[in-house]
């Protein structure tokens, strides 16, 4: 599987370890930066570029997911979620990694590098990658509603903006 990865200065050391871990498992890793430490760097462009690549690859039928991380993972998740077609989930334990895939068909995982050890992050990512979307009707319906809103600003049969 292709894994698009991005971080900020807070996650740079994580990035190197995680890339080696994912490559050793046979994944193709595409690094969207940064490539060097800058304590004043700005994560949005790195994370948005990773998310754009995930959206492009998935639209082309390429099996892929994304991994973004920073100090807390919150900003990185927000940045990734600005990209049409991306469902980025902030993950902080095994259960949230499983549910992000099972229920939300998340295609990007976000982790706080200052909140977890590298080994914990590796475990969350491994769980996330291995877990398929359940395909249950209620979850598929909800994801379709999110996509509809993303495209039109509306959800058929529901009041939006009242």
Protein backbone atom coordinates (compact mmCIF):
# COMPACT_ATOMS: atom_id res chain seq x y z
CA UNK A 1 0.00 0.00 0.00
CA UNK A 2 1.13 3.56 -0.63
CA UNK A 3 1.31 5.68 2.52
CA UNK A 4 1.52 9.46 2.26
CA UNK A 5 3.14 10.99 5.34
CA UNK A 6 3.57 14.56 6.62
CA UNK A 7 4.47 16.27 9.86
CA UNK A 8 5.90 19.43 11.33
CA UNK A 9 9.05 20.05 13.35
CA UNK A 10 7.51 18.36 16.42
CA UNK A 11 7.14 15.08 14.56
CA UNK A 12 10.26 15.04 12.43
CA UNK A 13 12.03 12.34 14.46
CA UNK A 14 8.82 10.28 14.45
CA UNK A 15 8.64 10.66 10.69
CA UNK A 16 12.02 9.04 10.12
CA UNK A 17 11.24 6.07 12.41
CA UNK A 18 7.73 5.62 11.02
CA UNK A 19 8.91 5.72 7.43
CA UNK A 20 11.45 2.97 8.13
CA UNK A 21 8.79 0.94 9.95
CA UNK A 22 6.27 1.25 7.11
CA UNK A 23 8.87 0.54 4.42
CA UNK A 24 10.00 -2.58 6.30
CA UNK A 25 6.40 -3.80 6.14
CA UNK A 26 6.41 -3.48 2.36
CA UNK A 27 4.56 -0.17 2.07
CA UNK A 28 5.58 2.50 -0.41
CA UNK A 29 6.08 5.66 1.66
CA UNK A 30 5.82 9.12 0.11
CA UNK A 31 7.16 11.87 2.39
CA UNK A 32 5.50 15.27 2.00
CA UNK A 33 7.84 16.97 4.44
CA UNK A 34 9.45 18.57 6.10
CA UNK A 35 12.87 17.09 5.38
CA UNK A 36 14.86 19.16 7.87
CA UNK A 37 14.26 20.60 11.31
CA UNK A 38 12.90 24.15 11.48
CA UNK A 39 11.23 25.04 14.79
CA UNK A 40 9.21 27.73 13.01
CA UNK A 41 7.91 25.63 10.13
CA UNK A 42 4.24 25.63 9.22
CA UNK A 43 2.49 22.25 9.04
CA UNK A 44 -0.57 23.13 6.90
CA UNK A 45 1.14 22.86 3.51
CA UNK A 46 2.84 19.56 4.38
CA UNK A 47 -0.40 17.99 5.63
CA UNK A 48 -2.53 19.40 2.84
CA UNK A 49 -0.07 18.07 0.25
CA UNK A 50 -0.21 14.61 1.83
CA UNK A 51 -4.02 14.73 1.89
CA UNK A 52 -4.19 15.92 -1.72
CA UNK A 53 -1.99 12.98 -2.73
CA UNK A 54 -4.27 10.54 -0.86
CA UNK A 55 -7.35 12.00 -2.56
CA UNK A 56 -5.67 11.86 -6.00
CA UNK A 57 -4.42 8.31 -5.54
CA UNK A 58 -7.75 7.04 -4.25
CA UNK A 59 -9.58 8.69 -7.16
CA UNK A 60 -7.17 6.88 -9.50
CA UNK A 61 -7.82 3.54 -7.80
CA UNK A 62 -4.47 3.38 -5.99
CA UNK A 63 -4.63 1.67 -2.60
CA UNK A 64 -3.32 4.28 -0.19
CA UNK A 65 -3.78 6.01 3.16
CA UNK A 66 -2.22 9.02 4.84
CA UNK A 67 -0.44 9.64 8.13
CA UNK A 68 -0.03 13.15 9.53
CA UNK A 69 1.31 14.14 12.91
CA UNK A 70 2.62 17.03 14.92
CA UNK A 71 2.76 18.06 18.57
CA UNK A 72 -0.87 17.25 19.34
CA UNK A 73 -2.08 16.03 15.95
CA UNK A 74 -5.03 18.43 16.09
CA UNK A 75 -3.80 21.05 13.63
CA UNK A 76 -2.55 18.40 11.25
CA UNK A 77 -5.95 16.69 11.29
CA UNK A 78 -7.70 20.00 10.67
CA UNK A 79 -5.38 20.79 7.75
CA UNK A 80 -5.90 17.37 6.13
CA UNK A 81 -9.68 17.65 6.54
CA UNK A 82 -9.70 20.82 4.40
CA UNK A 83 -9.06 18.62 1.35
CA UNK A 84 -12.15 17.40 -0.49
CA UNK A 85 -12.59 13.66 -0.04
CA UNK A 86 -10.40 13.37 3.04
CA UNK A 87 -11.67 11.97 6.31
CA UNK A 88 -8.81 12.49 8.76
CA UNK A 89 -9.20 11.07 12.26
CA UNK A 90 -7.26 12.07 15.34
CA UNK A 91 -6.19 8.80 16.93
CA UNK A 92 -5.01 8.44 20.51
CA UNK A 93 -5.50 4.73 21.24
CA UNK A 94 -6.15 1.41 19.53
CA UNK A 95 -9.92 1.78 19.71
CA UNK A 96 -9.95 5.14 17.94
CA UNK A 97 -7.68 3.72 15.22
CA UNK A 98 -10.05 0.78 14.68
CA UNK A 99 -13.22 2.85 14.72
CA UNK A 100 -11.78 5.48 12.40
CA UNK A 101 -11.52 2.80 9.72
CA UNK A 102 -14.51 0.58 10.66
CA UNK A 103 -17.12 3.31 11.06
CA UNK A 104 -15.74 6.38 9.29
CA UNK A 105 -13.65 4.87 6.49
CA UNK A 106 -11.01 7.43 7.47
CA UNK A 107 -8.29 7.70 4.87
CA UNK A 108 -5.86 9.75 6.96
CA UNK A 109 -4.71 9.17 10.54
CA UNK A 110 -3.44 12.01 12.71
CA UNK A 111 -1.32 11.40 15.82
CA UNK A 112 0.22 13.72 18.40
CA UNK A 113 3.97 13.13 18.44
CA UNK A 114 4.27 14.82 21.82
CA UNK A 115 1.46 12.70 23.21
CA UNK A 116 2.76 9.21 22.36
CA UNK A 117 5.91 7.18 22.06
CA UNK A 118 7.13 6.10 18.64
CA UNK A 119 6.12 2.52 19.46
CA UNK A 120 2.58 3.59 20.36
CA UNK A 121 2.32 5.57 17.13
CA UNK A 122 3.56 2.58 15.11
CA UNK A 123 0.92 0.39 16.75
CA UNK A 124 -1.90 2.87 16.04
CA UNK A 125 -0.80 3.19 12.42
CA UNK A 126 -0.49 -0.60 11.97
CA UNK A 127 -3.99 -1.08 13.39
CA UNK A 128 -5.36 1.71 11.19
CA UNK A 129 -3.80 0.30 8.02
CA UNK A 130 -4.90 -3.28 8.72
CA UNK A 131 -8.52 -2.47 9.60
CA UNK A 132 -10.99 -2.35 6.70
CA UNK A 133 -14.12 -0.22 6.50
CA UNK A 134 -17.07 -2.26 7.77
CA UNK A 135 -19.30 -1.28 4.86
CA UNK A 136 -22.33 -1.30 7.16
CA UNK A 137 -25.21 0.62 5.63
CA UNK A 138 -25.52 3.15 8.46
CA UNK A 139 -21.85 4.06 8.23
CA UNK A 140 -21.86 4.21 4.43
CA UNK A 141 -24.98 6.43 4.57
CA UNK A 142 -23.32 8.85 6.97
CA UNK A 143 -20.12 9.03 4.92
CA UNK A 144 -22.22 9.70 1.81
CA UNK A 145 -23.96 12.55 3.66
CA UNK A 146 -20.60 14.09 4.53
CA UNK A 147 -19.48 13.83 0.91
CA UNK A 148 -22.77 15.34 -0.28
CA UNK A 149 -22.37 18.28 2.09
CA UNK A 150 -18.74 18.71 1.03
CA UNK A 151 -19.84 18.96 -2.62
CA UNK A 152 -23.14 20.85 -2.33
CA UNK A 153 -23.46 22.38 1.13
CA UNK A 154 -26.62 20.33 1.62
CA UNK A 155 -27.71 16.90 2.86
CA UNK A 156 -30.87 15.66 1.15
CA UNK A 157 -33.72 15.22 3.60
CA UNK A 158 -31.93 17.12 6.39
CA UNK A 159 -31.97 20.75 7.42
CA UNK A 160 -28.60 22.45 7.15
CA UNK A 161 -27.97 26.02 8.25
CA UNK A 162 -31.18 26.65 10.14
